[in-house]
Each structure stands twice: as C-alpha cells, then as structure tokens.
Amino acid sequence: MSNIKIAKTLDARNLSCPLPILKTKKAIAEIGIGDFLEILATDPGSESDFQAWTKSTGHELADHSQDGGIYRYIIKRTK
C-alpha cells in the first residue's frame, strides 16, 4: 500500500470503544472524498469495530495491520 498518500493521521492509542470510532467519524469529515485517513489504536476490539463501521458507512477499509500492540487502519473516504 505504498502508493497511498495519507491525508490525516488520527492517534486513538489508549482509547477504548467507542472513542476510536467517534474520533474517526469526526476526522473523516475533515478530509476530502478519495483521501485516506490513518488511525493508530491499541484497543484489540478495534479491528471488528472498524470493519463494521466502514461497512455501515460505505467508506473503504483500504488496509489494516498490527505490530507490537499497535493497530493501524487506513480508511478511504468514499462519500
């Protein structure tokens, strides 16, 4: 996913559900359609939360990974 240019990074580390999703909703509204939002989180439940949120909102979960307890999500704003 090296061709993705991140428009904004949201640091949601050390936040528990539902705060990462709530902050993501606000942050995605601050970027343009077609742009990418990077979210960093530490909540293990965030993986299923972000999959469900992108499915329900229509935004695209372009990439996600986990390294050393840090979960990284790349969401493309689609509308």
PDB file of N, CA and C in Angstrom:
ATOM      1  N   MET A   1       0.823  -1.186   0.000  1.00  0.00           N
ATOM      2  CA  MET A   1       0.000   0.000   0.000  1.00  0.00           C
ATOM      3  C   MET A   1       0.872   1.258   0.000  1.00  0.00           C
ATOM      4  N   SER A   2       2.051   1.158  -0.578  1.00  0.00           N
ATOM      5  CA  SER A   2       2.968   2.285  -0.575  1.00  0.00           C
ATOM      6  C   SER A   2       2.510   3.441  -1.462  1.00  0.00           C
ATOM      7  N   ASN A   3       1.549   3.211  -2.341  1.00  0.00           N
ATOM      8  CA  ASN A   3       1.081   4.276  -3.226  1.00  0.00           C
ATOM      9  C   ASN A   3      -0.016   5.128  -2.579  1.00  0.00           C
ATOM     10  N   ILE A   4      -0.383   4.819  -1.351  1.00  0.00           N
ATOM     11  CA  ILE A   4      -1.411   5.584  -0.641  1.00  0.00           C
ATOM     12  C   ILE A   4      -0.770   6.797   0.025  1.00  0.00           C
ATOM     13  N   LYS A   5      -1.369   7.961  -0.213  1.00  0.00           N
ATOM     14  CA  LYS A   5      -0.902   9.183   0.445  1.00  0.00           C
ATOM     15  C   LYS A   5      -1.894   9.511   1.569  1.00  0.00           C
ATOM     16  N   ILE A   6      -1.390   9.506   2.788  1.00  0.00           N
ATOM     17  CA  ILE A   6      -2.225   9.750   3.963  1.00  0.00           C
ATOM     18  C   ILE A   6      -2.524  11.248   4.072  1.00  0.00           C
ATOM     19  N   ALA A   7      -3.810  11.590   4.119  1.00  0.00           N
ATOM     20  CA  ALA A   7      -4.214  12.992   4.245  1.00  0.00           C
ATOM     21  C   ALA A   7      -4.211  13.435   5.704  1.00  0.00           C
ATOM     22  N   LYS A   8      -4.479  12.508   6.621  1.00  0.00           N
ATOM     23  CA  LYS A   8      -4.577  12.852   8.044  1.00  0.00           C
ATOM     24  C   LYS A   8      -4.315  11.592   8.857  1.00  0.00           C
ATOM     25  N   THR A   9      -3.661  11.753  10.000  1.00  0.00           N
ATOM     26  CA  THR A   9      -3.436  10.652  10.933  1.00  0.00           C
ATOM     27  C   THR A   9      -4.163  10.950  12.231  1.00  0.00           C
ATOM     28  N   LEU A  10      -4.891   9.955  12.711  1.00  0.00           N
ATOM     29  CA  LEU A  10      -5.621  10.057  13.969  1.00  0.00           C
ATOM     30  C   LEU A  10      -4.961   9.125  14.980  1.00  0.00           C
ATOM     31  N   ASP A  11      -4.507   9.676  16.086  1.00  0.00           N
ATOM     32  CA  ASP A  11      -3.905   8.878  17.151  1.00  0.00           C
ATOM     33  C   ASP A  11      -5.000   8.520  18.160  1.00  0.00           C
ATOM     34  N   ALA A  12      -5.474   7.281  18.083  1.00  0.00           N
ATOM     35  CA  ALA A  12      -6.515   6.805  19.003  1.00  0.00           C
ATOM     36  C   ALA A  12      -5.942   5.769  19.969  1.00  0.00           C
ATOM     37  N   ARG A  13      -4.620   5.806  20.156  1.00  0.00           N
ATOM     38  CA  ARG A  13      -3.992   4.866  21.086  1.00  0.00           C
ATOM     39  C   ARG A  13      -4.449   5.163  22.513  1.00  0.00           C
ATOM     40  N   ASN A  14      -4.584   4.109  23.281  1.00  0.00           N
ATOM     41  CA  ASN A  14      -5.007   4.161  24.688  1.00  0.00           C
ATOM     42  C   ASN A  14      -6.452   4.622  24.863  1.00  0.00           C
ATOM     43  N   LEU A  15      -7.241   4.598  23.806  1.00  0.00           N
ATOM     44  CA  LEU A  15      -8.667   4.906  23.896  1.00  0.00           C
ATOM     45  C   LEU A  15      -9.465   3.618  23.734  1.00  0.00           C
ATOM     46  N   SER A  16     -10.535   3.488  24.487  1.00  0.00           N
ATOM     47  CA  SER A  16     -11.392   2.312  24.396  1.00  0.00           C
ATOM     48  C   SER A  16     -12.650   2.648  23.608  1.00  0.00           C
ATOM     49  N   CYS A  17     -13.278   1.605  23.083  1.00  0.00           N
ATOM     50  CA  CYS A  17     -14.531   1.744  22.356  1.00  0.00           C
ATOM     51  C   CYS A  17     -15.545   2.491  23.227  1.00  0.00           C
ATOM     52  N   PRO A  18     -16.271   3.423  22.675  1.00  0.00           N
ATOM     53  CA  PRO A  18     -16.433   3.768  21.262  1.00  0.00           C
ATOM     54  C   PRO A  18     -15.582   4.953  20.812  1.00  0.00           C
ATOM     55  N   LEU A  19     -14.657   5.434  21.636  1.00  0.00           N
ATOM     56  CA  LEU A  19     -13.916   6.662  21.304  1.00  0.00           C
ATOM     57  C   LEU A  19     -13.140   6.595  19.983  1.00  0.00           C
ATOM     58  N   PRO A  20     -12.428   5.504  19.646  1.00  0.00           N
ATOM     59  CA  PRO A  20     -11.742   5.500  18.339  1.00  0.00           C
ATOM     60  C   PRO A  20     -12.702   5.685  17.166  1.00  0.00           C
ATOM     61  N   ILE A  21     -13.870   5.081  17.235  1.00  0.00           N
ATOM     62  CA  ILE A  21     -14.847   5.219  16.151  1.00  0.00           C
ATOM     63  C   ILE A  21     -15.411   6.640  16.117  1.00  0.00           C
ATOM     64  N   LEU A  22     -15.738   7.186  17.272  1.00  0.00           N
ATOM     65  CA  LEU A  22     -16.278   8.552  17.322  1.00  0.00           C
ATOM     66  C   LEU A  22     -15.275   9.561  16.779  1.00  0.00           C
ATOM     67  N   LYS A  23     -14.010   9.409  17.152  1.00  0.00           N
ATOM     68  CA  LYS A  23     -12.975  10.324  16.660  1.00  0.00           C
ATOM     69  C   LYS A  23     -12.731  10.119  15.159  1.00  0.00           C
ATOM     70  N   THR A  24     -12.865   8.883  14.693  1.00  0.00           N
ATOM     71  CA  THR A  24     -12.718   8.599  13.265  1.00  0.00           C
ATOM     72  C   THR A  24     -13.825   9.267  12.471  1.00  0.00           C
ATOM     73  N   LYS A  25     -15.046   9.207  12.974  1.00  0.00           N
ATOM     74  CA  LYS A  25     -16.175   9.845  12.293  1.00  0.00           C
ATOM     75  C   LYS A  25     -15.917  11.336  12.103  1.00  0.00           C
ATOM     76  N   LYS A  26     -15.388  11.990  13.124  1.00  0.00           N
ATOM     77  CA  LYS A  26     -15.070  13.414  13.043  1.00  0.00           C
ATOM     78  C   LYS A  26     -13.908  13.658  12.074  1.00  0.00           C
ATOM     79  N   ALA A  27     -12.860  12.851  12.187  1.00  0.00           N
ATOM     80  CA  ALA A  27     -11.660  13.055  11.366  1.00  0.00           C
ATOM     81  C   ALA A  27     -11.925  12.809   9.886  1.00  0.00           C
ATOM     82  N   ILE A  28     -12.767  11.833   9.570  1.00  0.00           N
ATOM     83  CA  ILE A  28     -13.009  11.531   8.148  1.00  0.00           C
ATOM     84  C   ILE A  28     -13.767  12.669   7.478  1.00  0.00           C
ATOM     85  N   ALA A  29     -14.548  13.403   8.254  1.00  0.00           N
ATOM     86  CA  ALA A  29     -15.272  14.553   7.707  1.00  0.00           C
ATOM     87  C   ALA A  29     -14.329  15.717   7.398  1.00  0.00           C
ATOM     88  N   GLU A  30     -13.120  15.676   7.935  1.00  0.00           N
ATOM     89  CA  GLU A  30     -12.142  16.756   7.740  1.00  0.00           C
ATOM     90  C   GLU A  30     -11.225  16.526   6.546  1.00  0.00           C
ATOM     91  N   ILE A  31     -11.374  15.383   5.858  1.00  0.00           N
ATOM     92  CA  ILE A  31     -10.546  15.116   4.680  1.00  0.00           C
ATOM     93  C   ILE A  31     -11.458  15.052   3.449  1.00  0.00           C
ATOM     94  N   GLY A  32     -10.865  15.119   2.292  1.00  0.00           N
ATOM     95  CA  GLY A  32     -11.640  15.121   1.056  1.00  0.00           C
ATOM     96  C   GLY A  32     -12.070  13.728   0.621  1.00  0.00           C
ATOM     97  N   ILE A  33     -13.091  13.683  -0.208  1.00  0.00           N
ATOM     98  CA  ILE A  33     -13.534  12.412  -0.790  1.00  0.00           C
ATOM     99  C   ILE A  33     -12.393  11.844  -1.638  1.00  0.00           C
ATOM    100  N   GLY A  34     -12.099  10.581  -1.417  1.00  0.00           N
ATOM    101  CA  GLY A  34     -10.988   9.925  -2.108  1.00  0.00           C
ATOM    102  C   GLY A  34      -9.688   9.962  -1.327  1.00  0.00           C
ATOM    103  N   ASP A  35      -9.636  10.755  -0.257  1.00  0.00           N
ATOM    104  CA  ASP A  35      -8.433  10.835   0.578  1.00  0.00           C
ATOM    105  C   ASP A  35      -8.416   9.702   1.598  1.00  0.00           C
ATOM    106  N   PHE A  36      -7.236   9.496   2.196  1.00  0.00           N
ATOM    107  CA  PHE A  36      -7.032   8.405   3.142  1.00  0.00           C
ATOM    108  C   PHE A  36      -6.765   8.927   4.548  1.00  0.00           C
ATOM    109  N   LEU A  37      -7.413   8.285   5.506  1.00  0.00           N
ATOM    110  CA  LEU A  37      -7.234   8.575   6.927  1.00  0.00           C
ATOM    111  C   LEU A  37      -6.514   7.397   7.557  1.00  0.00           C
ATOM    112  N   GLU A  38      -5.434   7.680   8.283  1.00  0.00           N
ATOM    113  CA  GLU A  38      -4.707   6.649   9.021  1.00  0.00           C
ATOM    114  C   GLU A  38      -5.118   6.746  10.493  1.00  0.00           C
ATOM    115  N   ILE A  39      -5.459   5.599  11.091  1.00  0.00           N
ATOM    116  CA  ILE A  39      -5.805   5.561  12.509  1.00  0.00           C
ATOM    117  C   ILE A  39      -4.862   4.599  13.207  1.00  0.00           C
ATOM    118  N   LEU A  40      -4.313   5.043  14.335  1.00  0.00           N
ATOM    119  CA  LEU A  40      -3.487   4.197  15.186  1.00  0.00           C
ATOM    120  C   LEU A  40      -4.266   3.936  16.460  1.00  0.00           C
ATOM    121  N   ALA A  41      -4.410   2.665  16.840  1.00  0.00           N
ATOM    122  CA  ALA A  41      -5.196   2.302  18.011  1.00  0.00           C
ATOM    123  C   ALA A  41      -4.492   1.187  18.785  1.00  0.00           C
ATOM    124  N   THR A  42      -4.865   1.032  20.036  1.00  0.00           N
ATOM    125  CA  THR A  42      -4.320  -0.047  20.865  1.00  0.00           C
ATOM    126  C   THR A  42      -5.410  -0.996  21.358  1.00  0.00           C
ATOM    127  N   ASP A  43      -6.659  -0.671  21.125  1.00  0.00           N
ATOM    128  CA  ASP A  43      -7.778  -1.495  21.570  1.00  0.00           C
ATOM    129  C   ASP A  43      -7.904  -2.721  20.664  1.00  0.00           C
ATOM    130  N   PRO A  44      -7.730  -3.949  21.206  1.00  0.00           N
ATOM    131  CA  PRO A  44      -7.832  -5.144  20.369  1.00  0.00           C
ATOM    132  C   PRO A  44      -9.201  -5.293  19.703  1.00  0.00           C
ATOM    133  N   GLY A  45     -10.239  -4.753  20.307  1.00  0.00           N
ATOM    134  CA  GLY A  45     -11.568  -4.823  19.720  1.00  0.00           C
ATOM    135  C   GLY A  45     -11.760  -3.873  18.557  1.00  0.00           C
ATOM    136  N   SER A  46     -10.784  -3.009  18.321  1.00  0.00           N
ATOM    137  CA  SER A  46     -10.928  -2.016  17.255  1.00  0.00           C
ATOM    138  C   SER A  46     -10.986  -2.655  15.871  1.00  0.00           C
ATOM    139  N   GLU A  47     -10.395  -3.820  15.706  1.00  0.00           N
ATOM    140  CA  GLU A  47     -10.403  -4.453  14.383  1.00  0.00           C
ATOM    141  C   GLU A  47     -11.833  -4.736  13.925  1.00  0.00           C
ATOM    142  N   SER A  48     -12.616  -5.383  14.757  1.00  0.00           N
ATOM    143  CA  SER A  48     -14.001  -5.666  14.370  1.00  0.00           C
ATOM    144  C   SER A  48     -14.825  -4.384  14.325  1.00  0.00           C
ATOM    145  N   ASP A  49     -14.501  -3.425  15.199  1.00  0.00           N
ATOM    146  CA  ASP A  49     -15.223  -2.143  15.197  1.00  0.00           C
ATOM    147  C   ASP A  49     -15.039  -1.405  13.877  1.00  0.00           C
ATOM    148  N   PHE A  50     -13.801  -1.315  13.394  1.00  0.00           N
ATOM    149  CA  PHE A  50     -13.536  -0.584  12.150  1.00  0.00           C
ATOM    150  C   PHE A  50     -14.081  -1.327  10.932  1.00  0.00           C
ATOM    151  N   GLN A  51     -14.052  -2.657  10.958  1.00  0.00           N
ATOM    152  CA  GLN A  51     -14.639  -3.411   9.847  1.00  0.00           C
ATOM    153  C   GLN A  51     -16.140  -3.152   9.779  1.00  0.00           C
ATOM    154  N   ALA A  52     -16.811  -3.170  10.926  1.00  0.00           N
ATOM    155  CA  ALA A  52     -18.256  -2.923  10.964  1.00  0.00           C
ATOM    156  C   ALA A  52     -18.574  -1.480  10.599  1.00  0.00           C
ATOM    157  N   TRP A  53     -17.767  -0.533  11.086  1.00  0.00           N
ATOM    158  CA  TRP A  53     -18.032   0.883  10.827  1.00  0.00           C
ATOM    159  C   TRP A  53     -17.885   1.207   9.342  1.00  0.00           C
ATOM    160  N   THR A  54     -16.820   0.708   8.714  1.00  0.00           N
ATOM    161  CA  THR A  54     -16.644   1.007   7.293  1.00  0.00           C
ATOM    162  C   THR A  54     -17.743   0.355   6.460  1.00  0.00           C
ATOM    163  N   LYS A  55     -18.158  -0.824   6.844  1.00  0.00           N
ATOM    164  CA  LYS A  55     -19.246  -1.500   6.117  1.00  0.00           C
ATOM    165  C   LYS A  55     -20.552  -0.712   6.249  1.00  0.00           C
ATOM    166  N   SER A  56     -20.837  -0.207   7.441  1.00  0.00           N
ATOM    167  CA  SER A  56     -22.101   0.505   7.653  1.00  0.00           C
ATOM    168  C   SER A  56     -22.100   1.913   7.065  1.00  0.00           C
ATOM    169  N   THR A  57     -20.920   2.539   6.943  1.00  0.00           N
ATOM    170  CA  THR A  57     -20.852   3.913   6.432  1.00  0.00           C
ATOM    171  C   THR A  57     -20.558   3.976   4.937  1.00  0.00           C
ATOM    172  N   GLY A  58     -20.054   2.883   4.377  1.00  0.00           N
ATOM    173  CA  GLY A  58     -19.715   2.876   2.960  1.00  0.00           C
ATOM    174  C   GLY A  58     -18.300   3.324   2.659  1.00  0.00           C
ATOM    175  N   HIS A  59     -17.538   3.711   3.684  1.00  0.00           N
ATOM    176  CA  HIS A  59     -16.130   4.047   3.465  1.00  0.00           C
ATOM    177  C   HIS A  59     -15.340   2.748   3.297  1.00  0.00           C
ATOM    178  N   GLU A  60     -14.161   2.845   2.726  1.00  0.00           N
ATOM    179  CA  GLU A  60     -13.373   1.656   2.401  1.00  0.00           C
ATOM    180  C   GLU A  60     -12.234   1.459   3.391  1.00  0.00           C
ATOM    181  N   LEU A  61     -12.174   0.285   4.000  1.00  0.00           N
ATOM    182  CA  LEU A  61     -11.031  -0.090   4.829  1.00  0.00           C
ATOM    183  C   LEU A  61      -9.956  -0.586   3.874  1.00  0.00           C
ATOM    184  N   ALA A  62      -9.077   0.328   3.484  1.00  0.00           N
ATOM    185  CA  ALA A  62      -8.096   0.045   2.443  1.00  0.00           C
ATOM    186  C   ALA A  62      -6.981  -0.875   2.929  1.00  0.00           C
ATOM    187  N   ASP A  63      -6.651  -0.795   4.218  1.00  0.00           N
ATOM    188  CA  ASP A  63      -5.558  -1.611   4.755  1.00  0.00           C
ATOM    189  C   ASP A  63      -5.667  -1.615   6.270  1.00  0.00           C
ATOM    190  N   HIS A  64      -5.218  -2.687   6.863  1.00  0.00           N
ATOM    191  CA  HIS A  64      -5.068  -2.719   8.317  1.00  0.00           C
ATOM    192  C   HIS A  64      -3.969  -3.694   8.678  1.00  0.00           C
ATOM    193  N   SER A  65      -3.270  -3.381   9.770  1.00  0.00           N
ATOM    194  CA  SER A  65      -2.169  -4.225  10.225  1.00  0.00           C
ATOM    195  C   SER A  65      -2.027  -4.068  11.734  1.00  0.00           C
ATOM    196  N   GLN A  66      -1.226  -4.945  12.307  1.00  0.00           N
ATOM    197  CA  GLN A  66      -0.979  -4.903  13.748  1.00  0.00           C
ATOM    198  C   GLN A  66       0.490  -5.187  13.970  1.00  0.00           C
ATOM    199  N   ASP A  67       1.123  -4.369  14.810  1.00  0.00           N
ATOM    200  CA  ASP A  67       2.535  -4.551  15.111  1.00  0.00           C
ATOM    201  C   ASP A  67       2.803  -4.104  16.535  1.00  0.00           C
ATOM    202  N   GLY A  68       3.200  -5.014  17.374  1.00  0.00           N
ATOM    203  CA  GLY A  68       3.577  -4.681  18.745  1.00  0.00           C
ATOM    204  C   GLY A  68       2.456  -4.060  19.555  1.00  0.00           C
ATOM    205  N   GLY A  69       1.233  -4.499  19.343  1.00  0.00           N
ATOM    206  CA  GLY A  69       0.105  -3.971  20.098  1.00  0.00           C
ATOM    207  C   GLY A  69      -0.500  -2.695  19.532  1.00  0.00           C
ATOM    208  N   ILE A  70       0.055  -2.216  18.418  1.00  0.00           N
ATOM    209  CA  ILE A  70      -0.491  -1.030  17.739  1.00  0.00           C
ATOM    210  C   ILE A  70      -1.232  -1.509  16.490  1.00  0.00           C
ATOM    211  N   TYR A  71      -2.492  -1.148  16.417  1.00  0.00           N
ATOM    212  CA  TYR A  71      -3.316  -1.470  15.262  1.00  0.00           C
ATOM    213  C   TYR A  71      -3.348  -0.246  14.349  1.00  0.00           C
ATOM    214  N   ARG A  72      -3.099  -0.477  13.056  1.00  0.00           N
ATOM    215  CA  ARG A  72      -3.057   0.615  12.081  1.00  0.00           C
ATOM    216  C   ARG A  72      -4.124   0.356  11.027  1.00  0.00           C
ATOM    217  N   TYR A  73      -4.956   1.339  10.823  1.00  0.00           N
ATOM    218  CA  TYR A  73      -6.036   1.245   9.841  1.00  0.00           C
ATOM    219  C   TYR A  73      -5.899   2.387   8.839  1.00  0.00           C
ATOM    220  N   ILE A  74      -6.147   2.072   7.586  1.00  0.00           N
ATOM    221  CA  ILE A  74      -6.171   3.072   6.529  1.00  0.00           C
ATOM    222  C   ILE A  74      -7.585   3.037   5.945  1.00  0.00           C
ATOM    223  N   ILE A  75      -8.304   4.146   6.086  1.00  0.00           N
ATOM    224  CA  ILE A  75      -9.668   4.229   5.592  1.00  0.00           C
ATOM    225  C   ILE A  75      -9.745   5.270   4.492  1.00  0.00           C
ATOM    226  N   LYS A  76     -10.340   4.875   3.373  1.00  0.00           N
ATOM    227  CA  LYS A  76     -10.550   5.794   2.256  1.00  0.00           C
ATOM    228  C   LYS A  76     -11.937   6.398   2.371  1.00  0.00           C
ATOM    229  N   ARG A  77     -12.009   7.731   2.369  1.00  0.00           N
ATOM    230  CA  ARG A  77     -13.311   8.394   2.383  1.00  0.00           C
ATOM    231  C   ARG A  77     -13.934   8.272   1.004  1.00  0.00           C
ATOM    232  N   THR A  78     -15.127   7.709   0.955  1.00  0.00           N
ATOM    233  CA  THR A  78     -15.764   7.449  -0.334  1.00  0.00           C
ATOM    234  C   THR A  78     -16.945   8.356  -0.621  1.00  0.00           C
ATOM    235  N   LYS A  79     -17.405   9.099   0.391  1.00  0.00           N
ATOM    236  CA  LYS A  79     -18.553   9.982   0.146  1.00  0.00           C
ATOM    237  C   LYS A  79     -18.548  11.133   1.124  1.00  0.00           C
TER     238      LYS A  79
END
